[in-house]
Amino acid sequence: MSDDETFDPQEPLPVAVPVFPLTGALLLPRGLLPLNIFEPRYLAMVKDAMAATGAANRIIGMVQPRGTGKPPALYEVGCLGRITDYRETEDGRILIALAGVSRFRITAELDRMTLYRQVIADYHGFQDDRDEPPALASAARAGLEDVLRTYLDAQGLSADWEAVKSADDESLVTTLASVCPFDPAEKQALLEAETLASRAATLTALMTFAQGSGSNDRPTLQ
């Protein structure tokens, strides 16, 4: 099942949100995150989300765990995702794609009545997430591309520069934030960046700091 409709920016967002804690996974507003679901609790979560009605229909919150407790503590800020693609496999897995809708702040965790965790989500401070952001200043865009070149060289990566040049600012920043191998705390910093401009600045700083490492595998960043 595939749903190519955009999320209505006027549609209300759910207060109670099922969450998928996944280290290193970054979903940003208007970004896309493919997931391979196989654990029973998350299979149940996805099926419940598909069957939900109203604001909760096809909605899952992505959040990173912090710490190693059982269950682990969660970062306070996550991102709401809407299931836009759903496929069941013959071996019992579910393949989904989540489209980022809005960030949220966890104000409380609900007593567990399900196999998976659920939280109370507060969207205050993230009202602009469902609007397209202003374009980056030309100097910020140029600086990001310059640092990207040296970062890719240091990491042993290559890129399709025509695609990089033609990408709009948000698509470029969102893609790089999602695919670059930053650690979980760095991914969280990118998620919590207040605006596209501040996220681009954070991304530029992270790539600058990482330029001392490299790889001989030389994969291609698409």
N, C-alpha and C. Protein backbone atom coordinates (compact mmCIF):
# COMPACT_ATOMS: atom_id res chain seq x y z
N MET A 1 0.84 -1.17 0.00
CA MET A 1 0.00 0.00 0.00
C MET A 1 0.88 1.23 0.00
N SER A 2 0.62 2.16 -0.86
CA SER A 2 1.39 3.40 -0.94
C SER A 2 0.46 4.57 -0.91
N ASP A 3 0.84 5.63 -0.17
CA ASP A 3 0.01 6.83 -0.04
C ASP A 3 0.90 8.02 -0.37
N ASP A 4 0.65 8.64 -1.51
CA ASP A 4 1.47 9.76 -1.94
C ASP A 4 0.89 11.11 -1.56
N GLU A 5 -0.22 11.13 -0.82
CA GLU A 5 -0.83 12.39 -0.45
C GLU A 5 0.04 13.11 0.58
N THR A 6 0.09 14.42 0.50
CA THR A 6 0.82 15.19 1.48
C THR A 6 -0.01 15.30 2.75
N PHE A 7 0.68 15.53 3.86
CA PHE A 7 -0.01 15.65 5.14
C PHE A 7 -0.62 17.04 5.24
N ASP A 8 -1.90 17.11 5.55
CA ASP A 8 -2.61 18.38 5.66
C ASP A 8 -2.06 19.19 6.83
N PRO A 9 -1.47 20.36 6.58
CA PRO A 9 -0.87 21.13 7.67
C PRO A 9 -1.89 21.65 8.67
N GLN A 10 -3.16 21.61 8.32
CA GLN A 10 -4.20 22.05 9.24
C GLN A 10 -4.78 20.90 10.06
N GLU A 11 -4.41 19.69 9.72
CA GLU A 11 -4.97 18.54 10.43
C GLU A 11 -4.43 18.48 11.85
N PRO A 12 -5.29 18.24 12.84
CA PRO A 12 -4.81 18.19 14.23
C PRO A 12 -3.85 17.02 14.43
N LEU A 13 -2.94 17.19 15.37
CA LEU A 13 -1.96 16.16 15.69
C LEU A 13 -2.37 15.44 16.98
N PRO A 14 -2.05 14.16 17.08
CA PRO A 14 -2.48 13.40 18.25
C PRO A 14 -1.72 13.78 19.51
N VAL A 15 -2.39 13.68 20.65
CA VAL A 15 -1.75 13.95 21.94
C VAL A 15 -1.01 12.71 22.42
N ALA A 16 -1.65 11.56 22.34
CA ALA A 16 -1.02 10.29 22.71
C ALA A 16 -0.38 9.69 21.47
N VAL A 17 0.92 9.40 21.55
CA VAL A 17 1.66 8.96 20.38
C VAL A 17 2.43 7.67 20.70
N PRO A 18 2.27 6.62 19.88
CA PRO A 18 3.13 5.44 20.02
C PRO A 18 4.52 5.79 19.53
N VAL A 19 5.55 5.35 20.25
CA VAL A 19 6.91 5.72 19.86
C VAL A 19 7.76 4.49 19.57
N PHE A 20 8.64 4.69 18.61
CA PHE A 20 9.61 3.67 18.20
C PHE A 20 10.99 4.20 18.58
N PRO A 21 11.55 3.77 19.71
CA PRO A 21 12.89 4.21 20.10
C PRO A 21 13.93 3.49 19.25
N LEU A 22 14.73 4.25 18.50
CA LEU A 22 15.71 3.64 17.60
C LEU A 22 16.95 4.52 17.55
N THR A 23 18.04 3.99 18.07
CA THR A 23 19.30 4.73 18.13
C THR A 23 19.81 5.06 16.73
N GLY A 24 20.17 6.31 16.53
CA GLY A 24 20.77 6.72 15.26
C GLY A 24 19.80 7.00 14.15
N ALA A 25 18.52 6.75 14.37
CA ALA A 25 17.51 7.01 13.32
C ALA A 25 17.06 8.46 13.43
N LEU A 26 17.10 9.17 12.32
CA LEU A 26 16.72 10.57 12.31
C LEU A 26 15.60 10.81 11.31
N LEU A 27 14.46 11.24 11.83
CA LEU A 27 13.34 11.66 10.99
C LEU A 27 13.14 13.14 11.22
N LEU A 28 13.09 13.91 10.14
CA LEU A 28 12.89 15.35 10.20
C LEU A 28 11.60 15.72 9.47
N PRO A 29 11.00 16.86 9.80
CA PRO A 29 9.80 17.28 9.08
C PRO A 29 10.04 17.30 7.57
N ARG A 30 9.11 16.68 6.84
CA ARG A 30 9.16 16.51 5.39
C ARG A 30 10.27 15.59 4.92
N GLY A 31 10.98 14.97 5.86
CA GLY A 31 11.95 13.94 5.49
C GLY A 31 11.25 12.60 5.35
N LEU A 32 12.00 11.59 4.90
CA LEU A 32 11.44 10.25 4.71
C LEU A 32 12.37 9.24 5.37
N LEU A 33 11.79 8.32 6.12
CA LEU A 33 12.57 7.31 6.82
C LEU A 33 12.00 5.93 6.51
N PRO A 34 12.72 5.07 5.77
CA PRO A 34 12.26 3.69 5.55
C PRO A 34 12.61 2.84 6.76
N LEU A 35 11.72 1.93 7.12
CA LEU A 35 11.93 1.06 8.27
C LEU A 35 11.55 -0.37 7.93
N ASN A 36 12.36 -1.29 8.45
CA ASN A 36 12.11 -2.73 8.32
C ASN A 36 11.66 -3.23 9.68
N ILE A 37 10.38 -3.51 9.84
CA ILE A 37 9.80 -3.85 11.14
C ILE A 37 9.72 -5.37 11.28
N PHE A 38 10.31 -5.90 12.37
CA PHE A 38 10.26 -7.35 12.57
C PHE A 38 10.02 -7.77 14.02
N GLU A 39 10.28 -6.88 14.99
CA GLU A 39 10.02 -7.23 16.38
C GLU A 39 8.51 -7.26 16.63
N PRO A 40 8.01 -8.25 17.40
CA PRO A 40 6.56 -8.36 17.62
C PRO A 40 5.92 -7.09 18.15
N ARG A 41 6.58 -6.40 19.09
CA ARG A 41 5.94 -5.20 19.66
C ARG A 41 5.78 -4.09 18.63
N TYR A 42 6.73 -3.99 17.71
CA TYR A 42 6.65 -2.93 16.72
C TYR A 42 5.79 -3.34 15.52
N LEU A 43 5.69 -4.63 15.27
CA LEU A 43 4.70 -5.10 14.30
C LEU A 43 3.30 -4.74 14.80
N ALA A 44 3.07 -4.95 16.11
CA ALA A 44 1.77 -4.60 16.69
C ALA A 44 1.54 -3.09 16.63
N MET A 45 2.59 -2.32 16.88
CA MET A 45 2.47 -0.86 16.85
C MET A 45 2.07 -0.37 15.46
N VAL A 46 2.73 -0.89 14.43
CA VAL A 46 2.43 -0.47 13.07
C VAL A 46 1.01 -0.86 12.69
N LYS A 47 0.61 -2.06 13.01
CA LYS A 47 -0.74 -2.49 12.67
C LYS A 47 -1.78 -1.66 13.41
N ASP A 48 -1.51 -1.33 14.68
CA ASP A 48 -2.44 -0.47 15.43
C ASP A 48 -2.51 0.92 14.81
N ALA A 49 -1.36 1.45 14.38
CA ALA A 49 -1.35 2.78 13.76
C ALA A 49 -2.14 2.79 12.46
N MET A 50 -2.03 1.71 11.69
CA MET A 50 -2.78 1.64 10.44
C MET A 50 -4.28 1.57 10.70
N ALA A 51 -4.66 0.96 11.80
CA ALA A 51 -6.08 0.79 12.11
C ALA A 51 -6.66 1.95 12.90
N ALA A 52 -5.82 2.84 13.40
CA ALA A 52 -6.29 3.95 14.22
C ALA A 52 -7.14 4.90 13.39
N THR A 53 -7.97 5.66 14.07
CA THR A 53 -8.83 6.63 13.40
C THR A 53 -8.46 8.04 13.84
N GLY A 54 -8.96 9.02 13.11
CA GLY A 54 -8.73 10.40 13.49
C GLY A 54 -7.28 10.81 13.35
N ALA A 55 -6.83 11.68 14.27
CA ALA A 55 -5.48 12.25 14.18
C ALA A 55 -4.40 11.20 14.33
N ALA A 56 -4.71 10.06 14.95
CA ALA A 56 -3.71 9.02 15.19
C ALA A 56 -3.52 8.08 14.02
N ASN A 57 -4.33 8.21 12.98
CA ASN A 57 -4.26 7.28 11.86
C ASN A 57 -2.90 7.33 11.18
N ARG A 58 -2.25 6.18 11.12
CA ARG A 58 -0.96 5.99 10.45
C ARG A 58 0.18 6.82 11.06
N ILE A 59 0.05 7.17 12.35
CA ILE A 59 1.03 8.02 13.01
C ILE A 59 1.89 7.22 13.98
N ILE A 60 3.21 7.44 13.89
CA ILE A 60 4.19 6.85 14.80
C ILE A 60 5.21 7.94 15.13
N GLY A 61 5.66 7.97 16.38
CA GLY A 61 6.70 8.91 16.77
C GLY A 61 8.06 8.22 16.80
N MET A 62 9.04 8.83 16.14
CA MET A 62 10.41 8.33 16.19
C MET A 62 11.17 9.13 17.25
N VAL A 63 11.87 8.41 18.13
CA VAL A 63 12.63 9.05 19.19
C VAL A 63 13.85 8.19 19.49
N GLN A 64 14.94 8.81 19.85
CA GLN A 64 16.14 8.06 20.18
C GLN A 64 16.15 7.71 21.67
N PRO A 65 16.57 6.50 22.01
CA PRO A 65 16.80 6.18 23.43
C PRO A 65 18.09 6.82 23.90
N ARG A 66 18.14 7.13 25.18
CA ARG A 66 19.38 7.62 25.78
C ARG A 66 19.65 6.81 27.03
N GLY A 67 20.82 6.23 27.10
CA GLY A 67 21.13 5.35 28.21
C GLY A 67 20.82 3.91 27.87
N THR A 68 21.10 3.03 28.83
CA THR A 68 20.96 1.58 28.60
C THR A 68 20.01 0.93 29.59
N GLY A 69 19.16 1.71 30.23
CA GLY A 69 18.21 1.13 31.17
C GLY A 69 17.19 0.26 30.48
N LYS A 70 16.39 -0.43 31.25
CA LYS A 70 15.34 -1.29 30.71
C LYS A 70 14.02 -0.91 31.37
N PRO A 71 13.15 -0.21 30.64
CA PRO A 71 13.39 0.32 29.29
C PRO A 71 14.30 1.53 29.35
N PRO A 72 14.99 1.83 28.26
CA PRO A 72 15.89 2.98 28.28
C PRO A 72 15.14 4.29 28.36
N ALA A 73 15.78 5.28 28.99
CA ALA A 73 15.22 6.63 28.96
C ALA A 73 15.20 7.12 27.52
N LEU A 74 14.34 8.10 27.25
CA LEU A 74 14.20 8.63 25.90
C LEU A 74 14.64 10.09 25.86
N TYR A 75 15.22 10.50 24.73
CA TYR A 75 15.42 11.93 24.52
C TYR A 75 14.07 12.62 24.56
N GLU A 76 14.06 13.87 24.97
CA GLU A 76 12.80 14.58 25.15
C GLU A 76 12.13 14.95 23.84
N VAL A 77 12.92 15.12 22.78
CA VAL A 77 12.36 15.58 21.50
C VAL A 77 12.43 14.45 20.48
N GLY A 78 11.29 14.20 19.82
CA GLY A 78 11.22 13.23 18.74
C GLY A 78 10.51 13.86 17.55
N CYS A 79 10.20 13.05 16.56
CA CYS A 79 9.52 13.56 15.37
C CYS A 79 8.37 12.62 14.99
N LEU A 80 7.23 13.22 14.78
CA LEU A 80 6.05 12.48 14.36
C LEU A 80 6.19 12.07 12.90
N GLY A 81 5.86 10.83 12.60
CA GLY A 81 5.91 10.37 11.22
C GLY A 81 4.57 9.77 10.80
N ARG A 82 4.23 9.97 9.55
CA ARG A 82 3.01 9.40 8.99
C ARG A 82 3.40 8.27 8.04
N ILE A 83 2.80 7.10 8.20
CA ILE A 83 3.09 5.96 7.33
C ILE A 83 2.54 6.25 5.94
N THR A 84 3.43 6.38 4.97
CA THR A 84 3.02 6.66 3.60
C THR A 84 3.22 5.47 2.69
N ASP A 85 3.91 4.46 3.17
CA ASP A 85 4.07 3.23 2.39
C ASP A 85 4.08 2.06 3.36
N TYR A 86 3.35 1.01 3.02
CA TYR A 86 3.18 -0.15 3.92
C TYR A 86 3.16 -1.41 3.08
N ARG A 87 4.08 -2.32 3.39
CA ARG A 87 4.15 -3.59 2.65
C ARG A 87 4.46 -4.73 3.61
N GLU A 88 3.69 -5.79 3.51
CA GLU A 88 3.94 -6.99 4.31
C GLU A 88 4.73 -7.98 3.47
N THR A 89 5.72 -8.62 4.10
CA THR A 89 6.56 -9.59 3.40
C THR A 89 6.10 -11.01 3.75
N GLU A 90 6.54 -11.96 2.96
CA GLU A 90 6.14 -13.34 3.18
C GLU A 90 6.72 -13.90 4.46
N ASP A 91 7.82 -13.35 4.95
CA ASP A 91 8.42 -13.87 6.18
C ASP A 91 7.94 -13.14 7.43
N GLY A 92 6.88 -12.36 7.30
CA GLY A 92 6.24 -11.76 8.47
C GLY A 92 6.71 -10.37 8.84
N ARG A 93 7.64 -9.81 8.08
CA ARG A 93 8.08 -8.44 8.35
C ARG A 93 7.12 -7.44 7.72
N ILE A 94 7.22 -6.20 8.16
CA ILE A 94 6.47 -5.10 7.54
C ILE A 94 7.48 -4.03 7.14
N LEU A 95 7.42 -3.61 5.90
CA LEU A 95 8.27 -2.54 5.40
C LEU A 95 7.43 -1.28 5.28
N ILE A 96 7.87 -0.22 5.94
CA ILE A 96 7.12 1.02 5.90
C ILE A 96 8.04 2.18 5.55
N ALA A 97 7.43 3.27 5.13
CA ALA A 97 8.13 4.54 4.99
C ALA A 97 7.38 5.56 5.82
N LEU A 98 8.11 6.32 6.63
CA LEU A 98 7.53 7.38 7.44
C LEU A 98 7.88 8.72 6.84
N ALA A 99 6.89 9.57 6.65
CA ALA A 99 7.11 10.94 6.23
C ALA A 99 7.04 11.83 7.46
N GLY A 100 8.08 12.65 7.68
CA GLY A 100 8.13 13.50 8.86
C GLY A 100 7.05 14.57 8.83
N VAL A 101 6.38 14.74 9.94
CA VAL A 101 5.27 15.70 10.04
C VAL A 101 5.64 16.88 10.93
N SER A 102 5.99 16.59 12.17
CA SER A 102 6.32 17.65 13.13
C SER A 102 7.12 17.06 14.27
N ARG A 103 8.02 17.86 14.80
CA ARG A 103 8.69 17.45 16.02
C ARG A 103 7.74 17.61 17.21
N PHE A 104 8.06 16.94 18.29
CA PHE A 104 7.26 17.05 19.51
C PHE A 104 8.19 16.89 20.71
N ARG A 105 7.71 17.34 21.85
CA ARG A 105 8.43 17.17 23.11
C ARG A 105 7.63 16.22 24.00
N ILE A 106 8.31 15.24 24.55
CA ILE A 106 7.64 14.28 25.44
C ILE A 106 7.42 14.93 26.80
N THR A 107 6.16 14.99 27.22
CA THR A 107 5.86 15.54 28.53
C THR A 107 5.60 14.46 29.57
N ALA A 108 5.24 13.27 29.13
CA ALA A 108 4.99 12.15 30.05
C ALA A 108 4.93 10.87 29.25
N GLU A 109 5.22 9.76 29.91
CA GLU A 109 5.03 8.46 29.28
C GLU A 109 3.81 7.80 29.89
N LEU A 110 2.97 7.25 29.04
CA LEU A 110 1.74 6.63 29.51
C LEU A 110 2.02 5.27 30.14
N ASP A 111 1.20 4.92 31.11
CA ASP A 111 1.27 3.55 31.65
C ASP A 111 1.06 2.58 30.51
N ARG A 112 1.89 1.56 30.47
CA ARG A 112 1.87 0.69 29.29
C ARG A 112 0.66 -0.22 29.29
N MET A 113 -0.18 -0.04 28.27
CA MET A 113 -1.32 -0.91 28.04
C MET A 113 -1.10 -1.72 26.76
N THR A 114 0.03 -1.48 26.10
CA THR A 114 0.34 -2.14 24.84
C THR A 114 1.75 -2.71 24.93
N LEU A 115 2.14 -3.50 23.94
CA LEU A 115 3.50 -4.05 23.89
C LEU A 115 4.54 -2.95 23.70
N TYR A 116 4.14 -1.85 23.10
CA TYR A 116 5.05 -0.76 22.77
C TYR A 116 4.78 0.44 23.68
N ARG A 117 5.71 1.38 23.69
CA ARG A 117 5.61 2.55 24.55
C ARG A 117 4.80 3.66 23.88
N GLN A 118 4.10 4.42 24.73
CA GLN A 118 3.33 5.56 24.24
C GLN A 118 3.61 6.76 25.14
N VAL A 119 3.58 7.95 24.53
CA VAL A 119 3.90 9.16 25.27
C VAL A 119 2.84 10.23 25.01
N ILE A 120 2.85 11.24 25.87
CA ILE A 120 2.07 12.45 25.64
C ILE A 120 2.98 13.44 24.91
N ALA A 121 2.53 13.90 23.75
CA ALA A 121 3.35 14.77 22.90
C ALA A 121 2.88 16.22 23.00
N ASP A 122 3.84 17.11 23.15
CA ASP A 122 3.59 18.55 23.18
C ASP A 122 4.26 19.17 21.95
N TYR A 123 3.48 19.86 21.12
CA TYR A 123 3.99 20.43 19.87
C TYR A 123 4.33 21.91 20.00
N HIS A 124 4.22 22.45 21.21
CA HIS A 124 4.51 23.87 21.41
C HIS A 124 5.98 24.15 21.06
N GLY A 125 6.18 25.19 20.29
CA GLY A 125 7.53 25.53 19.85
C GLY A 125 7.90 24.94 18.51
N PHE A 126 7.05 24.04 17.99
CA PHE A 126 7.33 23.40 16.71
C PHE A 126 6.25 23.71 15.68
N GLN A 127 5.53 24.82 15.88
CA GLN A 127 4.42 25.14 15.00
C GLN A 127 4.85 25.34 13.55
N ASP A 128 6.08 25.75 13.34
CA ASP A 128 6.54 26.03 11.99
C ASP A 128 6.97 24.77 11.23
N ASP A 129 6.98 23.63 11.90
CA ASP A 129 7.48 22.41 11.26
C ASP A 129 6.65 21.98 10.06
N ARG A 130 5.37 22.37 10.03
CA ARG A 130 4.52 21.95 8.92
C ARG A 130 4.46 22.98 7.79
N ASP A 131 5.26 24.04 7.92
CA ASP A 131 5.38 25.04 6.86
C ASP A 131 6.75 24.91 6.21
N GLU A 132 6.82 25.18 4.92
CA GLU A 132 8.12 25.15 4.26
C GLU A 132 8.99 26.27 4.81
N PRO A 133 10.25 25.97 5.14
CA PRO A 133 11.11 26.98 5.77
C PRO A 133 11.66 27.96 4.75
N PRO A 134 12.10 29.14 5.21
CA PRO A 134 12.76 30.09 4.30
C PRO A 134 14.05 29.48 3.74
N ALA A 135 14.42 29.92 2.55
CA ALA A 135 15.66 29.44 1.95
C ALA A 135 16.86 29.90 2.76
N LEU A 136 17.94 29.15 2.65
CA LEU A 136 19.18 29.54 3.30
C LEU A 136 19.77 30.78 2.63
N ALA A 137 20.52 31.55 3.40
CA ALA A 137 21.29 32.63 2.80
C ALA A 137 22.29 32.01 1.82
N SER A 138 22.57 32.74 0.74
CA SER A 138 23.46 32.17 -0.29
C SER A 138 24.82 31.81 0.28
N ALA A 139 25.33 32.59 1.23
CA ALA A 139 26.63 32.29 1.82
C ALA A 139 26.58 31.00 2.65
N ALA A 140 25.46 30.77 3.34
CA ALA A 140 25.31 29.55 4.13
C ALA A 140 25.24 28.33 3.23
N ARG A 141 24.52 28.45 2.12
CA ARG A 141 24.42 27.33 1.18
C ARG A 141 25.79 27.03 0.56
N ALA A 142 26.49 28.07 0.15
CA ALA A 142 27.81 27.87 -0.44
C ALA A 142 28.78 27.28 0.57
N GLY A 143 28.71 27.74 1.81
CA GLY A 143 29.59 27.20 2.84
C GLY A 143 29.31 25.74 3.12
N LEU A 144 28.02 25.37 3.13
CA LEU A 144 27.66 23.97 3.34
C LEU A 144 28.21 23.09 2.23
N GLU A 145 28.08 23.52 0.99
CA GLU A 145 28.59 22.72 -0.13
C GLU A 145 30.11 22.61 -0.08
N ASP A 146 30.79 23.69 0.30
CA ASP A 146 32.26 23.64 0.38
C ASP A 146 32.72 22.66 1.44
N VAL A 147 32.09 22.72 2.61
CA VAL A 147 32.47 21.80 3.68
C VAL A 147 32.10 20.37 3.31
N LEU A 148 31.00 20.20 2.60
CA LEU A 148 30.59 18.86 2.17
C LEU A 148 31.67 18.22 1.30
N ARG A 149 32.25 18.98 0.40
CA ARG A 149 33.30 18.44 -0.47
C ARG A 149 34.46 17.90 0.35
N THR A 150 34.95 18.68 1.29
CA THR A 150 36.10 18.23 2.08
C THR A 150 35.72 17.11 3.03
N TYR A 151 34.49 17.14 3.54
CA TYR A 151 34.02 16.06 4.42
C TYR A 151 33.96 14.73 3.67
N LEU A 152 33.40 14.76 2.47
CA LEU A 152 33.31 13.53 1.69
C LEU A 152 34.69 12.99 1.34
N ASP A 153 35.61 13.87 1.01
CA ASP A 153 36.98 13.43 0.73
C ASP A 153 37.58 12.76 1.96
N ALA A 154 37.39 13.37 3.14
CA ALA A 154 37.96 12.82 4.37
C ALA A 154 37.33 11.48 4.74
N GLN A 155 36.03 11.32 4.42
CA GLN A 155 35.32 10.09 4.76
C GLN A 155 35.44 9.02 3.67
N GLY A 156 36.09 9.34 2.55
CA GLY A 156 36.19 8.38 1.46
C GLY A 156 34.89 8.20 0.73
N LEU A 157 34.07 9.25 0.69
CA LEU A 157 32.77 9.20 0.03
C LEU A 157 32.80 10.02 -1.25
N SER A 158 31.84 9.76 -2.11
CA SER A 158 31.67 10.59 -3.31
C SER A 158 30.21 10.98 -3.40
N ALA A 159 29.91 11.95 -4.26
CA ALA A 159 28.54 12.43 -4.38
C ALA A 159 28.23 12.78 -5.83
N ASP A 160 26.96 12.77 -6.15
CA ASP A 160 26.47 13.25 -7.44
C ASP A 160 26.32 14.76 -7.31
N TRP A 161 27.31 15.51 -7.78
CA TRP A 161 27.32 16.94 -7.53
C TRP A 161 26.24 17.67 -8.32
N GLU A 162 25.81 17.14 -9.43
CA GLU A 162 24.68 17.76 -10.13
C GLU A 162 23.43 17.69 -9.26
N ALA A 163 23.24 16.53 -8.61
CA ALA A 163 22.08 16.39 -7.72
C ALA A 163 22.20 17.30 -6.51
N VAL A 164 23.41 17.41 -5.97
CA VAL A 164 23.63 18.30 -4.82
C VAL A 164 23.29 19.73 -5.20
N LYS A 165 23.80 20.18 -6.34
CA LYS A 165 23.59 21.56 -6.76
C LYS A 165 22.11 21.86 -7.05
N SER A 166 21.39 20.87 -7.57
CA SER A 166 19.99 21.09 -7.95
C SER A 166 19.01 20.90 -6.80
N ALA A 167 19.47 20.30 -5.69
CA ALA A 167 18.57 20.06 -4.56
C ALA A 167 18.20 21.37 -3.88
N ASP A 168 16.94 21.47 -3.46
CA ASP A 168 16.56 22.65 -2.68
C ASP A 168 17.22 22.57 -1.31
N ASP A 169 17.26 23.69 -0.60
CA ASP A 169 18.01 23.77 0.65
C ASP A 169 17.54 22.74 1.68
N GLU A 170 16.23 22.66 1.87
CA GLU A 170 15.71 21.75 2.90
C GLU A 170 16.00 20.30 2.54
N SER A 171 15.81 19.93 1.29
CA SER A 171 16.06 18.54 0.88
C SER A 171 17.52 18.17 1.08
N LEU A 172 18.43 19.09 0.74
CA LEU A 172 19.85 18.80 0.91
C LEU A 172 20.21 18.64 2.38
N VAL A 173 19.78 19.57 3.21
CA VAL A 173 20.10 19.50 4.64
C VAL A 173 19.49 18.27 5.27
N THR A 174 18.25 17.97 4.96
CA THR A 174 17.56 16.82 5.54
C THR A 174 18.24 15.52 5.12
N THR A 175 18.59 15.40 3.84
CA THR A 175 19.24 14.18 3.36
C THR A 175 20.59 13.99 4.02
N LEU A 176 21.40 15.04 4.07
CA LEU A 176 22.73 14.92 4.67
C LEU A 176 22.64 14.61 6.16
N ALA A 177 21.72 15.26 6.85
CA ALA A 177 21.55 15.01 8.28
C ALA A 177 21.17 13.56 8.54
N SER A 178 20.38 12.98 7.63
CA SER A 178 19.89 11.61 7.81
C SER A 178 20.94 10.56 7.47
N VAL A 179 21.74 10.79 6.42
CA VAL A 179 22.61 9.72 5.93
C VAL A 179 24.05 9.82 6.41
N CYS A 180 24.49 10.98 6.84
CA CYS A 180 25.87 11.08 7.31
C CYS A 180 26.04 10.31 8.62
N PRO A 181 27.18 9.65 8.82
CA PRO A 181 27.36 8.76 9.97
C PRO A 181 27.72 9.50 11.26
N PHE A 182 26.84 10.39 11.70
CA PHE A 182 27.05 11.08 12.96
C PHE A 182 26.61 10.20 14.13
N ASP A 183 27.12 10.49 15.32
CA ASP A 183 26.73 9.68 16.46
C ASP A 183 25.35 10.11 16.96
N PRO A 184 24.71 9.33 17.84
CA PRO A 184 23.33 9.63 18.25
C PRO A 184 23.15 11.03 18.84
N ALA A 185 24.09 11.49 19.65
CA ALA A 185 23.95 12.82 20.24
C ALA A 185 24.00 13.89 19.16
N GLU A 186 24.83 13.68 18.15
CA GLU A 186 24.91 14.63 17.04
C GLU A 186 23.63 14.61 16.21
N LYS A 187 23.09 13.42 15.99
CA LYS A 187 21.80 13.33 15.29
C LYS A 187 20.72 14.08 16.06
N GLN A 188 20.76 13.94 17.38
CA GLN A 188 19.76 14.63 18.20
C GLN A 188 19.92 16.14 18.11
N ALA A 189 21.15 16.61 18.06
CA ALA A 189 21.38 18.04 17.91
C ALA A 189 20.81 18.55 16.59
N LEU A 190 20.93 17.76 15.54
CA LEU A 190 20.36 18.15 14.25
C LEU A 190 18.83 18.18 14.33
N LEU A 191 18.25 17.21 15.01
CA LEU A 191 16.79 17.19 15.17
C LEU A 191 16.30 18.42 15.92
N GLU A 192 17.03 18.79 16.97
CA GLU A 192 16.56 19.85 17.85
C GLU A 192 16.93 21.25 17.36
N ALA A 193 17.72 21.35 16.29
CA ALA A 193 18.03 22.66 15.73
C ALA A 193 16.74 23.41 15.42
N GLU A 194 16.67 24.67 15.83
CA GLU A 194 15.39 25.38 15.81
C GLU A 194 14.87 25.64 14.41
N THR A 195 15.75 26.02 13.49
CA THR A 195 15.35 26.39 12.13
C THR A 195 16.20 25.65 11.11
N LEU A 196 15.81 25.75 9.85
CA LEU A 196 16.62 25.15 8.79
C LEU A 196 18.01 25.78 8.77
N ALA A 197 18.09 27.09 8.98
CA ALA A 197 19.39 27.76 8.98
C ALA A 197 20.27 27.25 10.11
N SER A 198 19.70 27.06 11.29
CA SER A 198 20.51 26.56 12.41
C SER A 198 20.87 25.09 12.21
N ARG A 199 19.99 24.33 11.56
CA ARG A 199 20.33 22.93 11.27
C ARG A 199 21.47 22.86 10.25
N ALA A 200 21.42 23.73 9.24
CA ALA A 200 22.50 23.77 8.26
C ALA A 200 23.82 24.16 8.92
N ALA A 201 23.76 25.12 9.85
CA ALA A 201 24.97 25.54 10.56
C ALA A 201 25.50 24.40 11.43
N THR A 202 24.61 23.66 12.10
CA THR A 202 25.03 22.52 12.91
C THR A 202 25.65 21.45 12.03
N LEU A 203 25.02 21.18 10.91
CA LEU A 203 25.52 20.18 9.96
C LEU A 203 26.91 20.58 9.45
N THR A 204 27.08 21.84 9.11
CA THR A 204 28.37 22.32 8.64
C THR A 204 29.44 22.14 9.71
N ALA A 205 29.08 22.46 10.96
CA ALA A 205 30.04 22.31 12.06
C ALA A 205 30.41 20.84 12.28
N LEU A 206 29.42 19.95 12.25
CA LEU A 206 29.69 18.53 12.46
C LEU A 206 30.59 17.97 11.37
N MET A 207 30.34 18.34 10.13
CA MET A 207 31.18 17.85 9.04
C MET A 207 32.61 18.42 9.15
N THR A 208 32.71 19.65 9.61
CA THR A 208 34.04 20.25 9.79
C THR A 208 34.82 19.49 10.87
N PHE A 209 34.16 19.19 11.99
CA PHE A 209 34.82 18.49 13.10
C PHE A 209 35.22 17.07 12.72
N ALA A 210 34.47 16.46 11.80
CA ALA A 210 34.69 15.05 11.46
C ALA A 210 35.73 14.84 10.38
N GLN A 211 36.33 15.88 9.87
CA GLN A 211 37.18 15.74 8.69
C GLN A 211 38.49 15.01 8.96
N GLY A 212 38.80 14.73 10.19
CA GLY A 212 40.03 14.00 10.46
C GLY A 212 39.91 12.51 10.26
N SER A 213 38.68 11.95 10.12
CA SER A 213 38.52 10.51 9.95
C SER A 213 38.33 10.19 8.48
N GLY A 214 38.48 8.93 8.13
CA GLY A 214 38.34 8.53 6.73
C GLY A 214 37.98 7.08 6.61
N SER A 215 37.81 6.64 5.37
CA SER A 215 37.44 5.25 5.10
C SER A 215 38.02 4.86 3.76
N ASN A 216 38.35 3.60 3.64
CA ASN A 216 38.86 3.09 2.37
C ASN A 216 37.80 2.40 1.54
N ASP A 217 36.57 2.34 2.07
CA ASP A 217 35.51 1.61 1.37
C ASP A 217 35.00 2.38 0.15
N ARG A 218 35.05 3.71 0.23
CA ARG A 218 34.63 4.60 -0.83
C ARG A 218 33.23 4.30 -1.39
N PRO A 219 32.21 4.25 -0.53
CA PRO A 219 30.83 4.15 -1.04
C PRO A 219 30.42 5.49 -1.66
N THR A 220 29.28 5.50 -2.31
CA THR A 220 28.79 6.71 -2.95
C THR A 220 27.58 7.22 -2.21
N LEU A 221 27.60 8.51 -1.87
CA LEU A 221 26.48 9.15 -1.22
C LEU A 221 25.52 9.66 -2.28
N GLN A 222 24.31 9.12 -2.30
CA GLN A 222 23.33 9.50 -3.33
C GLN A 222 22.45 10.62 -2.81
